[in-house]
Amino acid sequence: MTDATHGMVELRALMSAPDAPSAWDLRCEVREALVTYLQRQHPGSLPRTRVLLVESDGERRPAWAREPAAGSRRDRPE
């Protein structure tokens, strides 16, 4: 663990590879495997960001309750 702030921790994993392209591929694979492990085994440990949008009339509505913007995918016929 290299850092712990605001309820989150930063992990650092050291590994080696024979060349830079292999090191990059390994880094990506390890990162994705760690995220997959956390998603499957400890889903509550991942950070979540929630957004509350305020309409121009000042009323607070969740994003799913807002009217779709003109031309948006939900506004177009199939």
PDB file of N, CA and C in Angstrom:
ATOM      1  N   MET A   1       0.853  -1.165   0.000  1.00  0.00           N
ATOM      2  CA  MET A   1       0.000   0.000   0.000  1.00  0.00           C
ATOM      3  C   MET A   1       0.902   1.231   0.000  1.00  0.00           C
ATOM      4  N   THR A   2       0.654   2.124  -0.948  1.00  0.00           N
ATOM      5  CA  THR A   2       1.490   3.319  -1.032  1.00  0.00           C
ATOM      6  C   THR A   2       0.796   4.572  -0.511  1.00  0.00           C
ATOM      7  N   ASP A   3      -0.547   4.515  -0.386  1.00  0.00           N
ATOM      8  CA  ASP A   3      -1.262   5.703   0.084  1.00  0.00           C
ATOM      9  C   ASP A   3      -2.622   5.276   0.610  1.00  0.00           C
ATOM     10  N   ALA A   4      -3.165   6.016   1.544  1.00  0.00           N
ATOM     11  CA  ALA A   4      -4.499   5.790   2.083  1.00  0.00           C
ATOM     12  C   ALA A   4      -5.105   7.140   2.418  1.00  0.00           C
ATOM     13  N   THR A   5      -6.089   7.559   1.645  1.00  0.00           N
ATOM     14  CA  THR A   5      -6.754   8.839   1.872  1.00  0.00           C
ATOM     15  C   THR A   5      -8.231   8.730   1.531  1.00  0.00           C
ATOM     16  N   HIS A   6      -9.058   9.463   2.237  1.00  0.00           N
ATOM     17  CA  HIS A   6     -10.494   9.561   1.970  1.00  0.00           C
ATOM     18  C   HIS A   6     -11.158   8.198   1.810  1.00  0.00           C
ATOM     19  N   GLY A   7     -10.795   7.247   2.656  1.00  0.00           N
ATOM     20  CA  GLY A   7     -11.412   5.929   2.609  1.00  0.00           C
ATOM     21  C   GLY A   7     -10.946   5.047   1.463  1.00  0.00           C
ATOM     22  N   MET A   8      -9.903   5.444   0.770  1.00  0.00           N
ATOM     23  CA  MET A   8      -9.381   4.650  -0.332  1.00  0.00           C
ATOM     24  C   MET A   8      -7.915   4.325  -0.086  1.00  0.00           C
ATOM     25  N   VAL A   9      -7.467   3.216  -0.663  1.00  0.00           N
ATOM     26  CA  VAL A   9      -6.057   2.857  -0.581  1.00  0.00           C
ATOM     27  C   VAL A   9      -5.494   2.715  -1.985  1.00  0.00           C
ATOM     28  N   GLU A  10      -4.230   3.031  -2.114  1.00  0.00           N
ATOM     29  CA  GLU A  10      -3.521   2.876  -3.383  1.00  0.00           C
ATOM     30  C   GLU A  10      -2.516   1.754  -3.211  1.00  0.00           C
ATOM     31  N   LEU A  11      -2.573   0.781  -4.114  1.00  0.00           N
ATOM     32  CA  LEU A  11      -1.663  -0.357  -4.055  1.00  0.00           C
ATOM     33  C   LEU A  11      -0.616  -0.231  -5.144  1.00  0.00           C
ATOM     34  N   ARG A  12       0.557  -0.780  -4.858  1.00  0.00           N
ATOM     35  CA  ARG A  12       1.634  -0.801  -5.849  1.00  0.00           C
ATOM     36  C   ARG A  12       2.108  -2.234  -5.974  1.00  0.00           C
ATOM     37  N   ALA A  13       2.185  -2.718  -7.198  1.00  0.00           N
ATOM     38  CA  ALA A  13       2.654  -4.079  -7.447  1.00  0.00           C
ATOM     39  C   ALA A  13       3.925  -3.997  -8.286  1.00  0.00           C
ATOM     40  N   LEU A  14       4.960  -4.652  -7.831  1.00  0.00           N
ATOM     41  CA  LEU A  14       6.222  -4.664  -8.564  1.00  0.00           C
ATOM     42  C   LEU A  14       6.353  -5.982  -9.311  1.00  0.00           C
ATOM     43  N   MET A  15       6.742  -5.905 -10.567  1.00  0.00           N
ATOM     44  CA  MET A  15       6.917  -7.087 -11.401  1.00  0.00           C
ATOM     45  C   MET A  15       7.977  -6.786 -12.443  1.00  0.00           C
ATOM     46  N   SER A  16       8.461  -7.794 -13.115  1.00  0.00           N
ATOM     47  CA  SER A  16       9.472  -7.564 -14.131  1.00  0.00           C
ATOM     48  C   SER A  16       9.108  -8.319 -15.397  1.00  0.00           C
ATOM     49  N   ALA A  17       9.656  -7.841 -16.498  1.00  0.00           N
ATOM     50  CA  ALA A  17       9.426  -8.443 -17.810  1.00  0.00           C
ATOM     51  C   ALA A  17      10.690  -8.227 -18.641  1.00  0.00           C
ATOM     52  N   PRO A  18      10.864  -9.010 -19.705  1.00  0.00           N
ATOM     53  CA  PRO A  18      12.098  -8.918 -20.485  1.00  0.00           C
ATOM     54  C   PRO A  18      12.260  -7.628 -21.289  1.00  0.00           C
ATOM     55  N   ASP A  19      11.146  -6.943 -21.609  1.00  0.00           N
ATOM     56  CA  ASP A  19      11.247  -5.715 -22.396  1.00  0.00           C
ATOM     57  C   ASP A  19      10.059  -4.807 -22.088  1.00  0.00           C
ATOM     58  N   ALA A  20      10.116  -3.575 -22.584  1.00  0.00           N
ATOM     59  CA  ALA A  20       9.086  -2.574 -22.275  1.00  0.00           C
ATOM     60  C   ALA A  20       7.690  -2.984 -22.753  1.00  0.00           C
ATOM     61  N   PRO A  21       7.530  -3.472 -23.997  1.00  0.00           N
ATOM     62  CA  PRO A  21       6.179  -3.871 -24.418  1.00  0.00           C
ATOM     63  C   PRO A  21       5.598  -4.994 -23.554  1.00  0.00           C
ATOM     64  N   SER A  22       6.439  -5.955 -23.182  1.00  0.00           N
ATOM     65  CA  SER A  22       5.974  -7.044 -22.316  1.00  0.00           C
ATOM     66  C   SER A  22       5.627  -6.522 -20.925  1.00  0.00           C
ATOM     67  N   ALA A  23       6.397  -5.573 -20.424  1.00  0.00           N
ATOM     68  CA  ALA A  23       6.119  -4.980 -19.115  1.00  0.00           C
ATOM     69  C   ALA A  23       4.780  -4.253 -19.135  1.00  0.00           C
ATOM     70  N   TRP A  24       4.504  -3.535 -20.210  1.00  0.00           N
ATOM     71  CA  TRP A  24       3.224  -2.822 -20.340  1.00  0.00           C
ATOM     72  C   TRP A  24       2.074  -3.814 -20.355  1.00  0.00           C
ATOM     73  N   ASP A  25       2.202  -4.879 -21.163  1.00  0.00           N
ATOM     74  CA  ASP A  25       1.142  -5.894 -21.227  1.00  0.00           C
ATOM     75  C   ASP A  25       0.927  -6.539 -19.867  1.00  0.00           C
ATOM     76  N   LEU A  26       2.005  -6.855 -19.173  1.00  0.00           N
ATOM     77  CA  LEU A  26       1.911  -7.468 -17.852  1.00  0.00           C
ATOM     78  C   LEU A  26       1.228  -6.524 -16.870  1.00  0.00           C
ATOM     79  N   ARG A  27       1.611  -5.264 -16.918  1.00  0.00           N
ATOM     80  CA  ARG A  27       1.006  -4.265 -16.027  1.00  0.00           C
ATOM     81  C   ARG A  27      -0.504  -4.191 -16.236  1.00  0.00           C
ATOM     82  N   CYS A  28      -0.926  -4.158 -17.501  1.00  0.00           N
ATOM     83  CA  CYS A  28      -2.364  -4.098 -17.812  1.00  0.00           C
ATOM     84  C   CYS A  28      -3.080  -5.364 -17.348  1.00  0.00           C
ATOM     85  N   GLU A  29      -2.491  -6.521 -17.592  1.00  0.00           N
ATOM     86  CA  GLU A  29      -3.105  -7.786 -17.183  1.00  0.00           C
ATOM     87  C   GLU A  29      -3.241  -7.885 -15.667  1.00  0.00           C
ATOM     88  N   VAL A  30      -2.205  -7.496 -14.942  1.00  0.00           N
ATOM     89  CA  VAL A  30      -2.255  -7.563 -13.475  1.00  0.00           C
ATOM     90  C   VAL A  30      -3.310  -6.596 -12.949  1.00  0.00           C
ATOM     91  N   ARG A  31      -3.343  -5.377 -13.478  1.00  0.00           N
ATOM     92  CA  ARG A  31      -4.330  -4.392 -13.024  1.00  0.00           C
ATOM     93  C   ARG A  31      -5.748  -4.909 -13.264  1.00  0.00           C
ATOM     94  N   GLU A  32      -6.014  -5.428 -14.464  1.00  0.00           N
ATOM     95  CA  GLU A  32      -7.354  -5.930 -14.782  1.00  0.00           C
ATOM     96  C   GLU A  32      -7.712  -7.140 -13.919  1.00  0.00           C
ATOM     97  N   ALA A  33      -6.743  -8.017 -13.664  1.00  0.00           N
ATOM     98  CA  ALA A  33      -7.003  -9.183 -12.816  1.00  0.00           C
ATOM     99  C   ALA A  33      -7.322  -8.754 -11.383  1.00  0.00           C
ATOM    100  N   LEU A  34      -6.627  -7.744 -10.866  1.00  0.00           N
ATOM    101  CA  LEU A  34      -6.907  -7.244  -9.514  1.00  0.00           C
ATOM    102  C   LEU A  34      -8.305  -6.640  -9.431  1.00  0.00           C
ATOM    103  N   VAL A  35      -8.684  -5.865 -10.441  1.00  0.00           N
ATOM    104  CA  VAL A  35     -10.023  -5.260 -10.451  1.00  0.00           C
ATOM    105  C   VAL A  35     -11.084  -6.351 -10.552  1.00  0.00           C
ATOM    106  N   THR A  36     -10.879  -7.331 -11.419  1.00  0.00           N
ATOM    107  CA  THR A  36     -11.834  -8.440 -11.551  1.00  0.00           C
ATOM    108  C   THR A  36     -11.969  -9.189 -10.232  1.00  0.00           C
ATOM    109  N   TYR A  37     -10.851  -9.462  -9.562  1.00  0.00           N
ATOM    110  CA  TYR A  37     -10.883 -10.134  -8.266  1.00  0.00           C
ATOM    111  C   TYR A  37     -11.721  -9.335  -7.261  1.00  0.00           C
ATOM    112  N   LEU A  38     -11.469  -8.033  -7.191  1.00  0.00           N
ATOM    113  CA  LEU A  38     -12.230  -7.198  -6.257  1.00  0.00           C
ATOM    114  C   LEU A  38     -13.712  -7.171  -6.606  1.00  0.00           C
ATOM    115  N   GLN A  39     -14.038  -7.072  -7.892  1.00  0.00           N
ATOM    116  CA  GLN A  39     -15.438  -7.048  -8.308  1.00  0.00           C
ATOM    117  C   GLN A  39     -16.160  -8.327  -7.909  1.00  0.00           C
ATOM    118  N   ARG A  40     -15.491  -9.468  -8.049  1.00  0.00           N
ATOM    119  CA  ARG A  40     -16.116 -10.757  -7.760  1.00  0.00           C
ATOM    120  C   ARG A  40     -16.104 -11.110  -6.271  1.00  0.00           C
ATOM    121  N   GLN A  41     -14.990 -10.886  -5.598  1.00  0.00           N
ATOM    122  CA  GLN A  41     -14.832 -11.339  -4.227  1.00  0.00           C
ATOM    123  C   GLN A  41     -15.187 -10.293  -3.166  1.00  0.00           C
ATOM    124  N   HIS A  42     -15.002  -9.016  -3.485  1.00  0.00           N
ATOM    125  CA  HIS A  42     -15.222  -7.935  -2.507  1.00  0.00           C
ATOM    126  C   HIS A  42     -15.878  -6.725  -3.184  1.00  0.00           C
ATOM    127  N   PRO A  43     -17.071  -6.885  -3.769  1.00  0.00           N
ATOM    128  CA  PRO A  43     -17.673  -5.785  -4.523  1.00  0.00           C
ATOM    129  C   PRO A  43     -17.914  -4.520  -3.704  1.00  0.00           C
ATOM    130  N   GLY A  44     -18.127  -4.653  -2.420  1.00  0.00           N
ATOM    131  CA  GLY A  44     -18.359  -3.484  -1.579  1.00  0.00           C
ATOM    132  C   GLY A  44     -17.107  -2.665  -1.313  1.00  0.00           C
ATOM    133  N   SER A  45     -15.950  -3.187  -1.690  1.00  0.00           N
ATOM    134  CA  SER A  45     -14.702  -2.478  -1.410  1.00  0.00           C
ATOM    135  C   SER A  45     -14.338  -1.471  -2.501  1.00  0.00           C
ATOM    136  N   LEU A  46     -15.029  -1.509  -3.629  1.00  0.00           N
ATOM    137  CA  LEU A  46     -14.703  -0.582  -4.716  1.00  0.00           C
ATOM    138  C   LEU A  46     -15.391   0.756  -4.500  1.00  0.00           C
ATOM    139  N   PRO A  47     -14.730   1.858  -4.850  1.00  0.00           N
ATOM    140  CA  PRO A  47     -15.344   3.181  -4.652  1.00  0.00           C
ATOM    141  C   PRO A  47     -16.527   3.388  -5.584  1.00  0.00           C
ATOM    142  N   ARG A  48     -17.477   4.168  -5.126  1.00  0.00           N
ATOM    143  CA  ARG A  48     -18.646   4.525  -5.939  1.00  0.00           C
ATOM    144  C   ARG A  48     -18.820   6.026  -5.876  1.00  0.00           C
ATOM    145  N   THR A  49     -19.180   6.599  -6.988  1.00  0.00           N
ATOM    146  CA  THR A  49     -19.457   8.031  -7.041  1.00  0.00           C
ATOM    147  C   THR A  49     -20.916   8.211  -7.431  1.00  0.00           C
ATOM    148  N   ARG A  50     -21.627   8.952  -6.660  1.00  0.00           N
ATOM    149  CA  ARG A  50     -23.034   9.221  -6.963  1.00  0.00           C
ATOM    150  C   ARG A  50     -23.184  10.691  -7.295  1.00  0.00           C
ATOM    151  N   VAL A  51     -24.031  10.969  -8.267  1.00  0.00           N
ATOM    152  CA  VAL A  51     -24.221  12.328  -8.742  1.00  0.00           C
ATOM    153  C   VAL A  51     -25.692  12.691  -8.618  1.00  0.00           C
ATOM    154  N   LEU A  52     -25.967  13.858  -8.099  1.00  0.00           N
ATOM    155  CA  LEU A  52     -27.319  14.366  -8.033  1.00  0.00           C
ATOM    156  C   LEU A  52     -27.383  15.602  -8.910  1.00  0.00           C
ATOM    157  N   LEU A  53     -28.230  15.558  -9.932  1.00  0.00           N
ATOM    158  CA  LEU A  53     -28.352  16.679 -10.851  1.00  0.00           C
ATOM    159  C   LEU A  53     -29.480  17.590 -10.389  1.00  0.00           C
ATOM    160  N   VAL A  54     -29.255  18.874 -10.471  1.00  0.00           N
ATOM    161  CA  VAL A  54     -30.265  19.855 -10.097  1.00  0.00           C
ATOM    162  C   VAL A  54     -30.762  20.516 -11.373  1.00  0.00           C
ATOM    163  N   GLU A  55     -32.072  20.434 -11.592  1.00  0.00           N
ATOM    164  CA  GLU A  55     -32.684  21.024 -12.782  1.00  0.00           C
ATOM    165  C   GLU A  55     -32.670  22.546 -12.681  1.00  0.00           C
ATOM    166  N   SER A  56     -32.887  23.218 -13.794  1.00  0.00           N
ATOM    167  CA  SER A  56     -32.858  24.679 -13.812  1.00  0.00           C
ATOM    168  C   SER A  56     -33.956  25.279 -12.936  1.00  0.00           C
ATOM    169  N   ASP A  57     -35.042  24.526 -12.678  1.00  0.00           N
ATOM    170  CA  ASP A  57     -36.097  25.040 -11.811  1.00  0.00           C
ATOM    171  C   ASP A  57     -35.750  24.859 -10.326  1.00  0.00           C
ATOM    172  N   GLY A  58     -34.543  24.310 -10.058  1.00  0.00           N
ATOM    173  CA  GLY A  58     -34.081  24.138  -8.697  1.00  0.00           C
ATOM    174  C   GLY A  58     -34.518  22.832  -8.063  1.00  0.00           C
ATOM    175  N   GLU A  59     -35.377  22.070  -8.758  1.00  0.00           N
ATOM    176  CA  GLU A  59     -35.829  20.806  -8.209  1.00  0.00           C
ATOM    177  C   GLU A  59     -34.755  19.737  -8.382  1.00  0.00           C
ATOM    178  N   ARG A  60     -34.567  18.950  -7.338  1.00  0.00           N
ATOM    179  CA  ARG A  60     -33.547  17.903  -7.379  1.00  0.00           C
ATOM    180  C   ARG A  60     -34.192  16.611  -7.863  1.00  0.00           C
ATOM    181  N   ARG A  61     -33.645  16.048  -8.939  1.00  0.00           N
ATOM    182  CA  ARG A  61     -34.147  14.789  -9.481  1.00  0.00           C
ATOM    183  C   ARG A  61     -32.976  13.882  -9.795  1.00  0.00           C
ATOM    184  N   PRO A  62     -33.137  12.568  -9.553  1.00  0.00           N
ATOM    185  CA  PRO A  62     -32.071  11.650  -9.976  1.00  0.00           C
ATOM    186  C   PRO A  62     -31.993  11.617 -11.500  1.00  0.00           C
ATOM    187  N   ALA A  63     -30.839  11.249 -12.032  1.00  0.00           N
ATOM    188  CA  ALA A  63     -30.622  11.259 -13.473  1.00  0.00           C
ATOM    189  C   ALA A  63     -31.650  10.418 -14.211  1.00  0.00           C
ATOM    190  N   TRP A  64     -32.079   9.284 -13.647  1.00  0.00           N
ATOM    191  CA  TRP A  64     -33.013   8.418 -14.357  1.00  0.00           C
ATOM    192  C   TRP A  64     -34.398   9.032 -14.467  1.00  0.00           C
ATOM    193  N   ALA A  65     -34.725  10.031 -13.656  1.00  0.00           N
ATOM    194  CA  ALA A  65     -36.048  10.647 -13.674  1.00  0.00           C
ATOM    195  C   ALA A  65     -36.114  11.884 -14.565  1.00  0.00           C
ATOM    196  N   ARG A  66     -34.985  12.284 -15.144  1.00  0.00           N
ATOM    197  CA  ARG A  66     -34.964  13.474 -15.982  1.00  0.00           C
ATOM    198  C   ARG A  66     -35.506  13.165 -17.360  1.00  0.00           C
ATOM    199  N   GLU A  67     -36.011  14.162 -18.018  1.00  0.00           N
ATOM    200  CA  GLU A  67     -36.439  14.025 -19.409  1.00  0.00           C
ATOM    201  C   GLU A  67     -35.212  13.864 -20.282  1.00  0.00           C
ATOM    202  N   PRO A  68     -35.253  12.982 -21.300  1.00  0.00           N
ATOM    203  CA  PRO A  68     -34.090  12.845 -22.182  1.00  0.00           C
ATOM    204  C   PRO A  68     -33.879  14.106 -23.009  1.00  0.00           C
ATOM    205  N   ALA A  69     -32.616  14.393 -23.301  1.00  0.00           N
ATOM    206  CA  ALA A  69     -32.296  15.541 -24.139  1.00  0.00           C
ATOM    207  C   ALA A  69     -32.784  15.286 -25.557  1.00  0.00           C
ATOM    208  N   ALA A  70     -33.202  16.327 -26.254  1.00  0.00           N
ATOM    209  CA  ALA A  70     -33.642  16.177 -27.636  1.00  0.00           C
ATOM    210  C   ALA A  70     -32.531  15.574 -28.465  1.00  0.00           C
ATOM    211  N   GLY A  71     -32.873  14.581 -29.268  1.00  0.00           N
ATOM    212  CA  GLY A  71     -31.877  13.939 -30.107  1.00  0.00           C
ATOM    213  C   GLY A  71     -31.104  12.838 -29.419  1.00  0.00           C
ATOM    214  N   SER A  72     -31.427  12.573 -28.137  1.00  0.00           N
ATOM    215  CA  SER A  72     -30.716  11.520 -27.431  1.00  0.00           C
ATOM    216  C   SER A  72     -31.213  10.164 -27.886  1.00  0.00           C
ATOM    217  N   ARG A  73     -30.522   9.135 -27.544  1.00  0.00           N
ATOM    218  CA  ARG A  73     -30.864   7.788 -27.970  1.00  0.00           C
ATOM    219  C   ARG A  73     -32.288   7.402 -27.524  1.00  0.00           C
ATOM    220  N   ARG A  74     -32.670   7.782 -26.309  1.00  0.00           N
ATOM    221  CA  ARG A  74     -34.025   7.459 -25.823  1.00  0.00           C
ATOM    222  C   ARG A  74     -35.088   8.255 -26.567  1.00  0.00           C
ATOM    223  N   ASP A  75     -34.701   9.349 -27.215  1.00  0.00           N
ATOM    224  CA  ASP A  75     -35.637  10.219 -27.904  1.00  0.00           C
ATOM    225  C   ASP A  75     -35.895   9.761 -29.338  1.00  0.00           C
ATOM    226  N   ARG A  76     -35.002   8.917 -29.883  1.00  0.00           N
ATOM    227  CA  ARG A  76     -35.127   8.484 -31.275  1.00  0.00           C
ATOM    228  C   ARG A  76     -35.932   7.201 -31.389  1.00  0.00           C
ATOM    229  N   PRO A  77     -36.742   7.084 -32.460  1.00  0.00           N
ATOM    230  CA  PRO A  77     -37.466   5.821 -32.677  1.00  0.00           C
ATOM    231  C   PRO A  77     -36.477   4.724 -33.074  1.00  0.00           C
ATOM    232  N   GLU A  78     -36.820   3.476 -32.726  1.00  0.00           N
ATOM    233  CA  GLU A  78     -35.942   2.335 -33.056  1.00  0.00           C
ATOM    234  C   GLU A  78     -35.925   2.057 -34.532  1.00  0.00           C
TER     235      GLU A  78
END
